[in-house]
Amino acid sequence: MRVADYVAYFLISKGVKIVYGYQGGSITHIIDAFGRSKKIEYIQTYHEQGAAFAADAYARCSKENMGVVIASNGPGATNLLTGIANAYCDSIPLFCITGQVHTYAMKKKESIRQESFQEIDIISMAKPVTKYAVTVMKPDQIVYELEKAYRIMMQGRKGPVVIDIPVDVQGMQMCVEQSKEYLESHEQSIISNNEIKEAVKKLLESKRPMILCGGGANSSTSKYLLRAILDKIKIPVVCSLQGLDVLDHFHECFVGFIGTYGNRYANIALQNADYLLVLGSRLDLRQTGKNREKFAPKAYVVHVDIDESELQHTVHEEISVKGSVESVLQLMNNMLTGVVKTQYDKWNKIIDKWKVDFAESSRESEIFRTIGEKLSGNVAICSDVGQNQMWLAQSLRITNANCRILNSGGLGAMGYALPAAIGACYSQKFNRVMAIMGDGGFQMNLQELCLIGNSRLPITIIVLNNHSLGMIREMHEKYYENRCIGSVEGFFQPELEKLSDAYKINYSRIECMKDLMEKLGEENSMPNLIDIDLGCETVLEPVLLGMETLDNQSPYITDEKKKEIYTQVKRI
C-alpha cells in the first residue's frame, strides 16, 4: 500500500475516528486516504492552532484517549506549535502529523536557511515541547516510527508527538510485512507497598488530613477509586486548576480550588492540614505561592506522581511515590478495607464553616454560581485564560462526576476555549458543551465560529465582556500608575451581535441575572453566543501578593478572624 494509506490504517487500528486539521499541499495524500477509508472523519477547522486545541480537548474527553491533528508544511506546521506546547504542559496525548516538502527539495546543508518554498525544520522547533519528534525519510520507516511515537505518547506521563512526512514519501509504495517493527523494552515502575503502608498509617494518625488532586488524578479509574476511599474515610479534598473536575463539587468531601487565586477557605484549610496527600500535581508556583517553604507548613506530605522529576522538586516531601495515581489509590483502597473513620468530623465541620464565612461574594461569582445551577447531565465546560478562568475555578460548581472542566493549565493559552469546545462536542460524551471566555480570548481564535456556525454545533458560547484585558489591566492599575497600554488603550473589540449574525450563531445580550437564568434554561440544540457586559472595572479577588502565604490573600482578613481560625484548629 501507499504510505498515506498505511497512516490511515494505523490510526484506525488505534481506534481513531476523528482527525482535526487544515488542508494543504503537502498533506493531500494523507487526508485523501482518510476520506477513502470511510472510517476516519476529517474535521477542518479554520486555523491550525484551533485544530490542535480541538484535538487536545478531544483527547481529554474521548474514548480513544488521544487526539490527532494534521497540518501542512511551513506555516501550517508552525501554527500547530502553540497547541503542541499546550498539550506538552498539560500532559495530553496529542498525535501530530505534518507534511513536508519533497525529499529531493529539502536543504542538505545547515548553513542554508531554506531550499524550498514553505520548507521549515519543524522537528527542531517541536522537540522541546514533545516527547518524540521525527521526520520519516523512507517508506520502510513508517511502520516503526508510527508505532514508536504512539507508544512513547501513551507511556508514563503522556504528551504530544510529531511525525513529519515528506509529500513524496506519502505517495510511495511500502510493504508492511517487510518493514521494521518497533519492539519496545519498557521498564514498569514498581511501587513499594511499605511506602504506601506508611502513608496510610500516617493518614490514620492525622487529625486534619487533606487530599490535593491535580491533572494526574483525572482518569475515570482514579476518580472511581478516590470516591471509594472517601466513602470509607471522609478526607477533605482540594484541587488545582487541572484537577477541578476530579470530584463532584457537591460531594461532602469537596472543599475547593487552591492557589494564588484560589478559594480563601480552601487555602486556609490547606495551610492548617497536618497531612497532605498530593495526587498527580506538580505543585507549581500558582498553587504553592512564591513562599514555598511555608506551603502546608504543618503537613506530613505524601506526593504521588508518574513523573519522577516532579517529586521533591518544589516542596519538601516526607514520602515521594513514583507511579500512576490509579495504582497508588488502588493499593490505598485495599489497605483501607474495613476502615470506617469518623475522627475527621470536627475538621470537616470547621471547613464547612469557613466555606460560609469566606465565600466569594462578587457579581462574577454570582454569575458562575448561576451557570452551575443551570447545568445538568454530562456537561463539558471549556474555560479560557484570564479573569474569566479564575472566576470559573472559584465559583462554578459541577453536580455530576462525568462533567469535565477543560483548561489550558500550564501554558495558559488565550483562545483555548472556543476550539476546545469543538473537540468536546465531537467526542459525543456530553449533552451540553459550553465555552466560557473573556472578550480578549474570544478574538484569539474567533475564526472557529465558522465551523461552529456552519456545522450547527450545539455549543453555548459565553463572553464575559469587560472591554479590556482584565487581568493585565489590574496589573497596570496596581504597578504601572494606571498606564493601561494594550490592556485598555489600544484594545478594541468587534460588535458581537453582528459577528454572530455573520457566522449564523444565535446572539443574546444579558442585562441581569434573570435573563441569564432564562437563557441557560433554553434548549441547547443550536449554537448560541451569550454576551454578558460586566462593565470596565472588574476585579479578581482574593489574590495572593508577593511572598504572602496561601492563607493570607488580599483583601486581608482581620486579626480577629485569624485568631478565631487559630483557636478553631487548636481545638481539634
Protein backbone atom coordinates (compact mmCIF):
# COMPACT_ATOMS: atom_id res chain seq x y z
CA MET A 1 0.00 0.00 0.00
CA ARG A 2 0.96 3.67 -0.16
CA VAL A 3 2.49 5.25 2.92
CA ALA A 4 -0.52 7.62 3.18
CA ASP A 5 -2.89 4.66 3.24
CA TYR A 6 -0.83 2.99 5.94
CA VAL A 7 -1.05 6.13 8.07
CA ALA A 8 -4.85 5.91 7.85
CA TYR A 9 -4.76 2.15 8.54
CA PHE A 10 -2.52 2.66 11.59
CA LEU A 11 -4.74 5.34 13.14
CA ILE A 12 -7.85 3.22 12.56
CA SER A 13 -6.11 0.30 14.30
CA LYS A 14 -5.67 2.56 17.36
CA GLY A 15 -9.37 3.36 17.45
CA VAL A 16 -9.08 6.85 15.93
CA LYS A 17 -12.36 8.09 14.46
CA ILE A 18 -11.73 11.83 14.08
CA VAL A 19 -8.74 13.85 12.86
CA TYR A 20 -8.61 17.65 13.07
CA GLY A 21 -6.58 19.81 10.75
CA TYR A 22 -6.27 22.29 7.93
CA GLN A 23 -5.74 21.19 4.34
CA GLY A 24 -2.51 21.97 2.48
CA GLY A 25 -0.46 20.85 -0.50
CA SER A 26 1.87 18.55 1.42
CA ILE A 27 -0.83 16.56 3.21
CA THR A 28 -3.38 15.98 0.46
CA HIS A 29 -2.27 12.34 0.12
CA ILE A 30 -2.99 11.58 3.79
CA ILE A 31 -6.28 13.48 4.04
CA ASP A 32 -7.43 11.76 0.84
CA ALA A 33 -6.55 8.42 2.45
CA PHE A 34 -8.70 9.35 5.46
CA GLY A 35 -11.63 10.10 3.15
CA ARG A 36 -11.27 6.88 1.17
CA SER A 37 -11.05 4.80 4.34
CA LYS A 38 -14.64 5.77 5.29
CA LYS A 39 -13.62 5.14 8.92
CA ILE A 40 -11.93 8.43 9.80
CA GLU A 41 -13.84 11.69 9.82
CA TYR A 42 -11.66 14.66 8.93
CA ILE A 43 -12.78 17.87 10.69
CA GLN A 44 -11.35 21.02 9.15
CA THR A 45 -11.01 23.98 11.47
CA TYR A 46 -10.07 27.44 10.21
CA HIS A 47 -6.59 27.69 11.71
CA GLU A 48 -4.06 25.03 12.67
CA GLN A 49 -3.88 26.32 16.24
CA GLY A 50 -7.64 25.83 16.50
CA ALA A 51 -7.22 22.29 15.16
CA ALA A 52 -4.58 21.49 17.78
CA PHE A 53 -6.70 22.86 20.63
CA ALA A 54 -9.75 20.92 19.38
CA ALA A 55 -7.70 17.70 19.22
CA ASP A 56 -6.30 18.45 22.70
CA ALA A 57 -9.79 18.72 24.19
CA TYR A 58 -10.95 15.65 22.25
CA ALA A 59 -8.07 13.67 23.79
CA ARG A 60 -9.21 14.70 27.28
CA CYS A 61 -12.79 13.57 26.66
CA SER A 62 -12.97 10.81 24.05
CA LYS A 63 -12.91 7.03 24.40
CA GLU A 64 -9.76 6.94 22.24
CA ASN A 65 -7.87 8.83 24.98
CA MET A 66 -5.86 10.62 22.28
CA GLY A 67 -6.27 13.43 19.82
CA VAL A 68 -4.95 13.56 16.25
CA VAL A 69 -4.16 16.72 14.31
CA ILE A 70 -2.70 17.19 10.83
CA ALA A 71 -1.17 20.23 9.15
CA SER A 72 0.77 21.13 6.03
CA ASN A 73 4.43 22.12 5.97
CA GLY A 74 5.89 25.55 6.72
CA PRO A 75 3.40 27.94 8.31
CA GLY A 76 0.85 25.16 8.68
CA ALA A 77 3.24 23.23 10.91
CA THR A 78 4.46 26.27 12.84
CA ASN A 79 0.84 27.28 13.52
CA LEU A 80 0.49 23.98 15.40
CA LEU A 81 3.27 24.78 17.85
CA THR A 82 1.18 26.62 20.45
CA GLY A 83 -1.27 23.71 20.54
CA ILE A 84 1.59 21.22 20.80
CA ALA A 85 3.15 23.20 23.65
CA ASN A 86 -0.24 23.31 25.41
CA ALA A 87 -0.55 19.52 25.22
CA TYR A 88 3.02 19.13 26.48
CA CYS A 89 2.47 21.34 29.53
CA ASP A 90 -0.83 19.62 30.41
CA SER A 91 0.36 16.05 29.63
CA ILE A 92 -2.16 15.43 26.84
CA PRO A 93 -1.63 12.59 24.31
CA LEU A 94 -1.69 14.55 21.02
CA PHE A 95 -0.59 12.75 17.85
CA CYS A 96 0.56 15.38 15.33
CA ILE A 97 1.19 14.66 11.65
CA THR A 98 2.82 17.30 9.48
CA GLY A 99 3.55 17.30 5.79
CA GLN A 100 6.97 18.25 4.46
CA VAL A 101 8.47 19.27 1.10
CA HIS A 102 9.75 16.59 -1.27
CA THR A 103 12.84 14.79 0.00
CA TYR A 104 14.86 15.89 -3.03
CA ALA A 105 13.93 19.52 -2.32
CA MET A 106 14.95 19.53 1.35
CA LYS A 107 18.04 21.51 2.27
CA LYS A 108 21.22 19.48 2.51
CA LYS A 109 23.34 21.99 4.46
CA GLU A 110 22.62 23.52 7.85
CA SER A 111 24.05 26.81 6.64
CA ILE A 112 21.25 27.11 4.08
CA ARG A 113 18.19 28.75 5.62
CA GLN A 114 15.69 27.35 3.15
CA GLU A 115 15.91 25.27 0.00
CA SER A 116 12.24 25.13 -0.98
CA PHE A 117 9.07 27.17 -0.70
CA GLN A 118 7.48 26.72 2.74
CA GLU A 119 10.31 24.47 3.89
CA ILE A 120 10.97 24.67 7.64
CA ASP A 121 12.61 22.31 10.13
CA ILE A 122 9.55 21.70 12.29
CA ILE A 123 11.22 18.82 14.14
CA SER A 124 13.92 21.02 15.70
CA MET A 125 11.24 23.51 16.74
CA ALA A 126 8.92 20.86 18.18
CA LYS A 127 11.45 18.75 20.10
CA PRO A 128 11.47 20.92 23.26
CA VAL A 129 7.67 20.55 23.59
CA THR A 130 7.17 16.93 22.53
CA LYS A 131 8.00 13.50 23.89
CA TYR A 132 9.15 12.42 20.41
CA ALA A 133 9.51 14.12 17.02
CA VAL A 134 10.91 12.67 13.80
CA THR A 135 10.90 13.09 10.00
CA VAL A 136 10.18 9.87 8.10
CA MET A 137 12.51 9.91 5.09
CA LYS A 138 11.84 6.43 3.66
CA PRO A 139 8.67 4.34 3.20
CA ASP A 140 10.05 1.36 5.11
CA GLN A 141 10.43 3.54 8.24
CA ILE A 142 6.74 4.41 8.61
CA VAL A 143 5.61 1.25 10.47
CA TYR A 144 8.40 1.60 13.03
CA GLU A 145 8.09 5.35 13.56
CA LEU A 146 4.29 5.49 13.89
CA GLU A 147 4.23 2.71 16.47
CA LYS A 148 7.19 4.14 18.37
CA ALA A 149 5.61 7.59 18.52
CA TYR A 150 2.29 6.15 19.69
CA ARG A 151 3.88 4.06 22.46
CA ILE A 152 6.01 6.96 23.70
CA MET A 153 2.99 9.28 23.65
CA MET A 154 0.91 6.94 25.83
CA GLN A 155 3.55 5.67 28.27
CA GLY A 156 4.26 7.23 31.64
CA ARG A 157 3.45 10.93 31.73
CA LYS A 158 1.56 11.39 28.48
CA GLY A 159 2.33 14.12 25.97
CA PRO A 160 2.43 15.10 22.29
CA VAL A 161 4.48 13.57 19.47
CA VAL A 162 5.15 14.80 15.92
CA ILE A 163 5.56 12.69 12.79
CA ASP A 164 6.78 14.76 9.82
CA ILE A 165 6.33 13.06 6.42
CA PRO A 166 7.63 14.49 3.11
CA VAL A 167 4.93 14.64 0.45
CA ASP A 168 6.76 12.29 -1.96
CA VAL A 169 7.21 9.68 0.79
CA GLN A 170 3.46 9.79 1.47
CA GLY A 171 2.78 8.70 -2.11
CA MET A 172 5.38 5.91 -2.21
CA GLN A 173 4.57 2.22 -2.03
CA MET A 174 5.57 0.24 1.05
CA CYS A 175 5.26 -3.35 2.25
CA VAL A 176 4.05 -3.79 5.83
CA GLU A 177 5.49 -7.29 6.19
CA GLN A 178 8.95 -6.19 5.12
CA SER A 179 9.03 -3.08 7.30
CA LYS A 180 10.93 -2.94 10.57
CA GLU A 181 8.69 -3.16 13.64
CA TYR A 182 9.08 -1.19 16.83
CA LEU A 183 9.83 -3.53 19.73
CA GLU A 184 9.85 -1.60 22.97
CA SER A 185 11.67 -2.50 26.16
CA HIS A 186 9.62 -0.79 28.83
CA GLU A 187 10.50 -0.97 32.49
CA GLN A 188 7.43 -0.79 34.65
CA SER A 189 7.94 1.08 37.90
CA ILE A 190 7.17 -1.00 40.98
CA ILE A 191 5.52 0.84 43.84
CA SER A 192 6.74 -0.10 47.27
CA ASN A 193 3.98 -1.50 49.49
CA ASN A 194 5.94 -0.33 52.51
CA GLU A 195 5.78 3.28 51.33
CA ILE A 196 2.02 3.08 50.84
CA LYS A 197 1.56 1.33 54.21
CA GLU A 198 3.49 4.15 55.89
CA ALA A 199 1.42 6.76 54.02
CA VAL A 200 -1.83 5.10 55.15
CA LYS A 201 -0.53 4.76 58.72
CA LYS A 202 0.29 8.47 58.89
CA LEU A 203 -3.09 9.30 57.35
CA LEU A 204 -4.97 7.39 60.05
CA GLU A 205 -2.86 9.04 62.75
CA SER A 206 -3.59 12.54 61.46
CA LYS A 207 -6.29 14.88 62.77
CA ARG A 208 -6.53 17.32 59.87
CA PRO A 209 -5.78 15.43 56.63
CA MET A 210 -6.19 16.86 53.14
CA ILE A 211 -6.04 15.46 49.58
CA LEU A 212 -4.85 17.70 46.74
CA CYS A 213 -5.94 16.50 43.29
CA GLY A 214 -4.10 17.58 40.15
CA GLY A 215 -4.45 16.65 36.50
CA GLY A 216 -2.78 13.29 37.12
CA ALA A 217 -5.83 12.21 39.13
CA ASN A 218 -8.23 12.85 36.27
CA SER A 219 -8.68 9.38 34.77
CA SER A 220 -12.02 7.63 35.23
CA THR A 221 -10.29 4.90 37.26
CA SER A 222 -8.67 7.43 39.60
CA LYS A 223 -11.98 9.20 40.14
CA TYR A 224 -13.73 5.94 40.97
CA LEU A 225 -11.01 4.84 43.43
CA LEU A 226 -10.90 8.25 45.09
CA ARG A 227 -14.66 8.15 45.71
CA ALA A 228 -14.31 4.60 47.08
CA ILE A 229 -11.72 5.83 49.61
CA LEU A 230 -13.84 8.84 50.56
CA ASP A 231 -16.79 6.52 51.19
CA LYS A 232 -14.67 4.82 53.87
CA ILE A 233 -12.91 7.82 55.36
CA LYS A 234 -14.09 11.41 54.96
CA ILE A 235 -10.95 13.27 53.89
CA PRO A 236 -11.38 16.86 52.65
CA VAL A 237 -10.34 17.34 49.00
CA VAL A 238 -8.92 20.45 47.35
CA CYS A 239 -7.89 20.75 43.72
CA SER A 240 -5.59 22.51 41.30
CA LEU A 241 -6.82 24.04 38.04
CA GLN A 242 -6.28 20.75 36.20
CA GLY A 243 -7.97 18.76 38.95
CA LEU A 244 -11.13 20.85 39.13
CA ASP A 245 -13.39 18.06 37.86
CA VAL A 246 -11.86 15.07 39.67
CA LEU A 247 -14.66 15.12 42.25
CA ASP A 248 -18.31 16.18 42.11
CA HIS A 249 -18.36 19.64 43.72
CA PHE A 250 -21.36 18.79 45.88
CA HIS A 251 -19.64 15.73 47.32
CA GLU A 252 -19.40 16.12 51.09
CA CYS A 253 -15.59 15.97 50.94
CA PHE A 254 -15.05 18.58 48.22
CA VAL A 255 -13.59 21.82 49.55
CA GLY A 256 -12.49 23.97 46.62
CA PHE A 257 -9.79 25.43 44.41
CA ILE A 258 -6.39 26.32 45.89
CA GLY A 259 -3.57 28.62 44.89
CA THR A 260 -2.82 32.25 44.10
CA TYR A 261 -6.41 32.92 43.02
CA GLY A 262 -7.90 30.01 44.98
CA ASN A 263 -10.88 29.99 47.31
CA ARG A 264 -9.78 31.63 50.55
CA TYR A 265 -11.37 28.85 52.63
CA ALA A 266 -9.61 26.13 50.60
CA ASN A 267 -6.25 27.84 51.08
CA ILE A 268 -6.85 28.26 54.81
CA ALA A 269 -7.76 24.59 55.13
CA LEU A 270 -4.67 23.50 53.19
CA GLN A 271 -2.36 25.66 55.32
CA ASN A 272 -3.76 24.12 58.50
CA ALA A 273 -3.68 20.49 57.37
CA ASP A 274 -1.41 18.13 59.30
CA TYR A 275 -1.31 15.56 56.46
CA LEU A 276 -1.33 16.25 52.71
CA LEU A 277 -1.71 13.61 50.01
CA VAL A 278 -0.81 15.16 46.64
CA LEU A 279 -2.20 13.19 43.68
CA GLY A 280 -0.73 13.97 40.27
CA SER A 281 0.03 17.66 40.78
CA ARG A 282 3.36 19.30 40.03
CA LEU A 283 2.88 21.91 42.77
CA ASP A 284 3.80 24.91 40.64
CA LEU A 285 4.06 28.49 41.93
CA ARG A 286 0.42 29.26 41.14
CA GLN A 287 -0.51 26.54 43.66
CA THR A 288 2.10 26.99 46.35
CA GLY A 289 2.70 30.73 46.19
CA LYS A 290 6.22 32.18 45.98
CA ASN A 291 6.90 31.40 49.64
CA ARG A 292 7.24 27.67 49.04
CA GLU A 293 8.89 26.94 52.38
CA LYS A 294 5.64 27.92 54.08
CA PHE A 295 3.34 25.87 51.82
CA ALA A 296 1.29 23.48 54.01
CA PRO A 297 3.83 24.06 56.81
CA LYS A 298 2.13 21.77 59.34
CA ALA A 299 1.56 18.86 56.96
CA TYR A 300 3.21 15.47 56.55
CA VAL A 301 3.43 15.48 52.73
CA VAL A 302 2.94 12.38 50.57
CA HIS A 303 3.42 13.16 46.87
CA VAL A 304 2.33 10.74 44.12
CA ASP A 305 3.38 11.43 40.52
CA ILE A 306 4.14 9.33 37.48
CA ASP A 307 6.96 11.71 36.55
CA GLU A 308 9.87 11.23 38.95
CA SER A 309 11.33 14.64 38.09
CA GLU A 310 8.31 16.33 39.72
CA LEU A 311 8.94 14.64 43.08
CA GLN A 312 10.90 16.59 45.71
CA HIS A 313 11.05 19.39 43.15
CA THR A 314 9.22 22.31 44.74
CA VAL A 315 8.38 21.44 48.37
CA HIS A 316 9.75 19.08 51.00
CA GLU A 317 8.03 15.68 50.93
CA GLU A 318 8.15 13.01 53.63
CA ILE A 319 7.13 10.29 51.16
CA SER A 320 7.59 10.52 47.37
CA VAL A 321 5.93 7.82 45.26
CA LYS A 322 6.78 7.39 41.58
CA GLY A 323 3.80 5.76 39.92
CA SER A 324 0.36 6.33 38.49
CA VAL A 325 -2.31 7.78 40.74
CA GLU A 326 -4.58 4.85 39.81
CA SER A 327 -2.13 2.23 41.09
CA VAL A 328 -1.46 4.09 44.34
CA LEU A 329 -5.15 4.69 45.04
CA GLN A 330 -5.85 1.01 44.38
CA LEU A 331 -3.28 0.00 46.98
CA MET A 332 -4.56 2.53 49.49
CA ASN A 333 -8.15 1.47 48.88
CA ASN A 334 -7.22 -2.16 49.57
CA MET A 335 -5.39 -1.21 52.78
CA LEU A 336 -8.38 0.82 53.98
CA THR A 337 -10.84 -2.06 53.50
CA GLY A 338 -12.96 -2.37 56.61
CA VAL A 339 -11.83 1.01 57.93
CA VAL A 340 -14.64 3.43 58.73
CA LYS A 341 -13.36 6.57 60.41
CA THR A 342 -15.38 9.39 61.85
CA GLN A 343 -12.44 11.07 63.57
CA TYR A 344 -12.35 13.85 60.98
CA ASP A 345 -15.88 15.09 61.68
CA LYS A 346 -14.69 18.15 63.63
CA TRP A 347 -12.19 19.03 60.89
CA ASN A 348 -14.84 18.76 58.16
CA LYS A 349 -17.33 20.86 60.17
CA ILE A 350 -14.80 23.63 60.67
CA ILE A 351 -14.02 23.66 56.93
CA ASP A 352 -17.77 23.83 56.18
CA LYS A 353 -17.97 26.89 58.43
CA TRP A 354 -15.02 28.52 56.66
CA LYS A 355 -16.77 27.90 53.31
CA VAL A 356 -19.63 30.08 54.56
CA ASP A 357 -17.53 32.69 56.34
CA PHE A 358 -15.09 33.25 53.48
CA ALA A 359 -17.25 32.63 50.40
CA GLU A 360 -16.70 34.88 47.36
CA SER A 361 -19.45 37.50 47.06
CA SER A 362 -18.69 39.34 43.80
CA ARG A 363 -21.10 39.75 40.91
CA GLU A 364 -18.88 37.47 38.80
CA SER A 365 -19.05 34.74 41.46
CA GLU A 366 -22.82 35.01 41.35
CA ILE A 367 -22.77 34.63 37.56
CA PHE A 368 -20.77 31.42 37.76
CA ARG A 369 -22.88 30.02 40.58
CA THR A 370 -25.93 30.66 38.37
CA ILE A 371 -24.31 28.90 35.43
CA GLY A 372 -23.52 25.91 37.64
CA GLU A 373 -27.09 25.73 38.92
CA LYS A 374 -28.39 25.51 35.36
CA LEU A 375 -26.09 22.67 34.30
CA SER A 376 -27.42 19.13 34.41
CA GLY A 377 -26.38 15.81 32.95
CA ASN A 378 -22.95 15.33 31.37
CA VAL A 379 -21.56 18.77 30.62
CA ALA A 380 -18.24 20.00 29.24
CA ILE A 381 -17.18 23.49 30.31
CA CYS A 382 -14.27 24.83 28.28
CA SER A 383 -12.51 27.66 30.07
CA ASP A 384 -10.28 30.30 28.54
CA VAL A 385 -7.49 32.26 30.25
CA GLY A 386 -7.63 35.42 32.34
CA GLN A 387 -10.03 36.72 34.98
CA ASN A 388 -12.80 34.56 33.50
CA GLN A 389 -10.81 31.37 34.13
CA MET A 390 -10.18 32.17 37.78
CA TRP A 391 -13.79 33.25 38.46
CA LEU A 392 -14.88 29.93 36.97
CA ALA A 393 -12.43 27.95 39.10
CA GLN A 394 -13.52 29.79 42.24
CA SER A 395 -17.30 29.68 41.82
CA LEU A 396 -18.67 27.33 39.15
CA ARG A 397 -19.79 24.07 40.73
CA ILE A 398 -20.50 20.85 38.84
CA THR A 399 -23.00 18.30 40.11
CA ASN A 400 -22.02 15.26 38.08
CA ALA A 401 -18.90 13.09 38.27
CA ASN A 402 -18.98 12.80 34.45
CA CYS A 403 -18.77 16.56 33.89
CA ARG A 404 -15.50 17.97 32.58
CA ILE A 405 -13.85 21.36 33.07
CA LEU A 406 -11.23 21.81 30.36
CA ASN A 407 -8.44 24.34 30.88
CA SER A 408 -5.23 25.45 29.28
CA GLY A 409 -3.37 24.99 32.55
CA GLY A 410 0.41 25.02 32.29
CA LEU A 411 0.76 27.10 29.12
CA GLY A 412 -2.20 29.37 29.81
CA ALA A 413 -3.06 29.95 26.15
CA MET A 414 -5.72 32.56 25.46
CA GLY A 415 -8.04 31.36 22.70
CA TYR A 416 -8.23 27.79 24.03
CA ALA A 417 -11.92 27.68 24.97
CA LEU A 418 -13.59 28.05 21.58
CA PRO A 419 -11.74 25.29 19.66
CA ALA A 420 -11.67 23.13 22.80
CA ALA A 421 -15.47 23.23 22.80
CA ILE A 422 -15.40 21.90 19.24
CA GLY A 423 -13.28 18.93 20.34
CA ALA A 424 -15.53 18.28 23.33
CA CYS A 425 -18.62 18.45 21.11
CA TYR A 426 -17.27 15.89 18.63
CA SER A 427 -16.44 13.49 21.46
CA GLN A 428 -20.23 12.94 21.75
CA LYS A 429 -19.94 12.37 25.50
CA PHE A 430 -21.88 15.43 26.60
CA ASN A 431 -25.45 16.61 26.42
CA ARG A 432 -24.18 20.18 26.72
CA VAL A 433 -20.93 21.90 25.74
CA MET A 434 -20.09 25.39 26.95
CA ALA A 435 -17.19 27.69 26.05
CA ILE A 436 -16.58 30.49 28.56
CA MET A 437 -14.14 33.29 27.78
CA GLY A 438 -13.29 36.94 28.12
CA ASP A 439 -13.60 39.38 25.25
CA GLY A 440 -9.82 39.23 24.77
CA GLY A 441 -9.51 35.45 24.49
CA PHE A 442 -12.64 35.37 22.30
CA GLN A 443 -10.79 37.11 19.47
CA MET A 444 -7.75 34.82 19.61
CA ASN A 445 -9.49 32.01 17.70
CA LEU A 446 -12.76 33.58 16.65
CA GLN A 447 -12.35 32.13 13.13
CA GLU A 448 -13.58 28.82 14.60
CA LEU A 449 -17.07 30.35 14.79
CA CYS A 450 -17.20 29.47 11.09
CA LEU A 451 -17.03 25.72 11.85
CA ILE A 452 -19.43 26.05 14.80
CA GLY A 453 -21.98 28.06 12.79
CA ASN A 454 -21.90 26.13 9.53
CA SER A 455 -21.90 22.72 11.23
CA ARG A 456 -24.61 23.87 13.68
CA LEU A 457 -22.62 22.57 16.63
CA PRO A 458 -24.79 22.97 19.76
CA ILE A 459 -22.19 24.96 21.71
CA THR A 460 -23.11 27.71 24.17
CA ILE A 461 -20.50 30.49 23.97
CA ILE A 462 -20.41 32.86 26.94
CA VAL A 463 -18.35 36.04 26.55
CA LEU A 464 -17.64 37.88 29.80
CA ASN A 465 -17.25 41.33 28.33
CA ASN A 466 -15.21 43.81 30.38
CA HIS A 467 -13.91 45.77 27.35
CA SER A 468 -10.29 45.10 28.29
CA LEU A 469 -7.68 42.50 29.09
CA GLY A 470 -8.91 42.45 32.67
CA MET A 471 -6.09 40.65 34.45
CA ILE A 472 -3.42 42.78 32.74
CA ARG A 473 -5.48 45.92 33.34
CA GLU A 474 -5.42 45.15 37.08
CA MET A 475 -1.65 44.77 36.89
CA HIS A 476 -1.33 48.10 35.07
CA GLU A 477 -3.51 49.81 37.67
CA LYS A 478 -1.52 48.41 40.62
CA TYR A 479 2.04 48.64 39.39
CA TYR A 480 2.16 50.98 36.37
CA GLU A 481 0.31 54.06 37.64
CA ASN A 482 -2.75 53.16 35.59
CA ARG A 483 -0.90 53.24 32.26
CA CYS A 484 -3.10 50.60 30.64
CA ILE A 485 -1.22 50.28 27.36
CA GLY A 486 -2.58 47.33 25.40
CA SER A 487 -4.99 46.26 28.14
CA VAL A 488 -7.36 49.21 27.65
CA GLU A 489 -5.61 51.74 25.44
CA GLY A 490 -5.30 50.15 22.02
CA PHE A 491 -7.66 47.29 22.90
CA PHE A 492 -10.69 47.10 20.60
CA GLN A 493 -13.44 44.59 20.02
CA PRO A 494 -15.99 43.94 17.27
CA GLU A 495 -19.75 44.18 17.66
CA LEU A 496 -20.56 40.68 18.87
CA GLU A 497 -24.14 40.74 17.62
CA LYS A 498 -23.07 41.47 14.02
CA LEU A 499 -20.29 38.91 14.28
CA SER A 500 -22.72 36.25 15.50
CA ASP A 501 -25.06 37.01 12.63
CA ALA A 502 -22.20 36.70 10.12
CA TYR A 503 -21.36 33.23 11.45
CA LYS A 504 -25.01 32.02 11.72
CA ILE A 505 -24.95 31.89 15.50
CA ASN A 506 -27.81 32.99 17.75
CA TYR A 507 -26.97 36.04 19.86
CA SER A 508 -28.23 37.22 23.26
CA ARG A 509 -27.13 40.19 25.34
CA ILE A 510 -27.59 39.67 29.07
CA GLU A 511 -28.51 42.62 31.29
CA CYS A 512 -29.48 40.86 34.53
CA MET A 513 -29.24 37.50 36.31
CA LYS A 514 -32.86 36.66 35.49
CA ASP A 515 -32.10 36.95 31.77
CA LEU A 516 -29.09 34.68 32.19
CA MET A 517 -31.08 32.02 34.03
CA GLU A 518 -33.79 32.06 31.37
CA LYS A 519 -31.27 31.83 28.55
CA LEU A 520 -29.37 28.95 30.14
CA GLY A 521 -32.65 27.13 30.71
CA GLU A 522 -33.47 27.04 27.00
CA GLU A 523 -32.95 24.00 24.76
CA ASN A 524 -29.39 23.68 23.53
CA SER A 525 -29.77 22.26 20.01
CA MET A 526 -28.16 25.18 18.14
CA PRO A 527 -25.03 27.30 18.62
CA ASN A 528 -25.58 30.47 20.58
CA LEU A 529 -23.48 33.31 21.91
CA ILE A 530 -24.33 34.98 25.22
CA ASP A 531 -22.77 38.41 25.68
CA ILE A 532 -22.56 39.44 29.35
CA ASP A 533 -21.48 43.05 29.81
CA LEU A 534 -19.52 43.36 33.06
CA GLY A 535 -18.52 46.99 32.68
CA CYS A 536 -14.91 48.16 32.69
CA GLU A 537 -13.83 47.80 36.33
CA THR A 538 -13.79 44.06 37.02
CA VAL A 539 -11.55 42.86 39.85
CA LEU A 540 -10.29 39.36 40.60
CA GLU A 541 -10.24 38.59 44.32
CA PRO A 542 -8.97 37.08 46.52
CA VAL A 543 -5.38 37.11 45.27
CA LEU A 544 -2.02 36.20 46.76
CA LEU A 545 0.51 39.03 46.69
CA GLY A 546 4.29 38.95 46.95
CA MET A 547 5.71 36.48 49.46
CA GLU A 548 2.49 36.09 51.44
CA THR A 549 1.39 32.56 52.43
CA LEU A 550 -1.69 30.96 50.89
CA ASP A 551 -3.88 31.70 53.90
CA ASN A 552 -3.14 35.43 53.71
CA GLN A 553 -4.70 36.60 50.45
CA SER A 554 -5.68 40.16 49.60
CA PRO A 555 -8.04 41.73 50.63
CA TYR A 556 -6.75 40.65 54.03
CA ILE A 557 -8.96 39.28 56.76
CA THR A 558 -8.87 40.86 60.21
CA ASP A 559 -6.54 39.80 63.01
CA GLU A 560 -9.64 38.83 64.94
CA LYS A 561 -10.63 36.37 62.20
CA LYS A 562 -7.10 34.96 62.09
CA LYS A 563 -7.20 34.40 65.85
CA GLU A 564 -10.57 32.68 65.53
CA ILE A 565 -9.18 30.32 62.87
CA TYR A 566 -6.17 29.53 65.08
CA THR A 567 -8.43 28.74 68.04
CA GLN A 568 -10.71 26.50 65.95
CA VAL A 569 -7.78 24.50 64.60
CA LYS A 570 -6.16 24.13 68.02
CA ARG A 571 -9.33 22.58 69.46
CA ILE A 572 -9.34 19.65 67.04
